[in-house]
Amino acid sequence: MTRWWATASLLAITIPVLSQTVPGQPPINRLAPYVPSPQNVVEKMLEAARLKAGETVYDLGSGDGRVLITAAQRFGARAVGVEISPKEVKASRERIQQLKLDDRIQVIEGDLLTADFSGADVVTIYLLTTSNELLRPALEKKLKPGARVVSHDYQIRGWTPVAVEKIEAHRRVHQLYVYEIGKK
């Protein structure tokens, strides 16, 4: 029996950019399949980033908004999500409004490769390694020294992590790569 993560790993090797087609609409280019991070992994990502109250976290490819919600509720941070899927944007905005967090969380419908995340203290990503390579120049250009980037499971080639954290969830070990802009 093939596990879902083995299939996702195969996709990571063979498909650098996925395209979703909706009849009558232009295709949506995705940099990774939509796989939500387990909640304990989300919490560990934000802890590993040393997220503090009042800081701003950007979740690039924010999906259902769980990173944004956790950052606001548990860490007292401001949060901005960038998500290309209109369906996920709508669902996460509705959830954020239900939780009365819309004064601290914003969800932008758009392409994370062209988004302005220069105001980020922390950036979280769960993309493929090839997608991280596409994103890397924007991270280097837009982020201020001291900003932290946490990548779930996939490294950013050419960067050296300041920490690598491991956490178990759903019967497998997840790796978190923590980078700091300006740190070699």
Foldseek 3Di string as FASTA:
>chain_A
DDDPVVVQVVCLVPPQWDWDDDPPDDIFIHRGPDDDDPLVVLVVLCVVQVQAAAFEEEEEQCFQPSNQVCCCVVHNYAYEYEHQDPVSQVNNVVVCVVVVNVVRYYYHHDHSQPDQPLRHLEYEYAGRQSSLQSNVVVCLPRYDFNRKYKYKQYDNPPFQAPDWDWDDDPHDIIIIGMHTHPDD
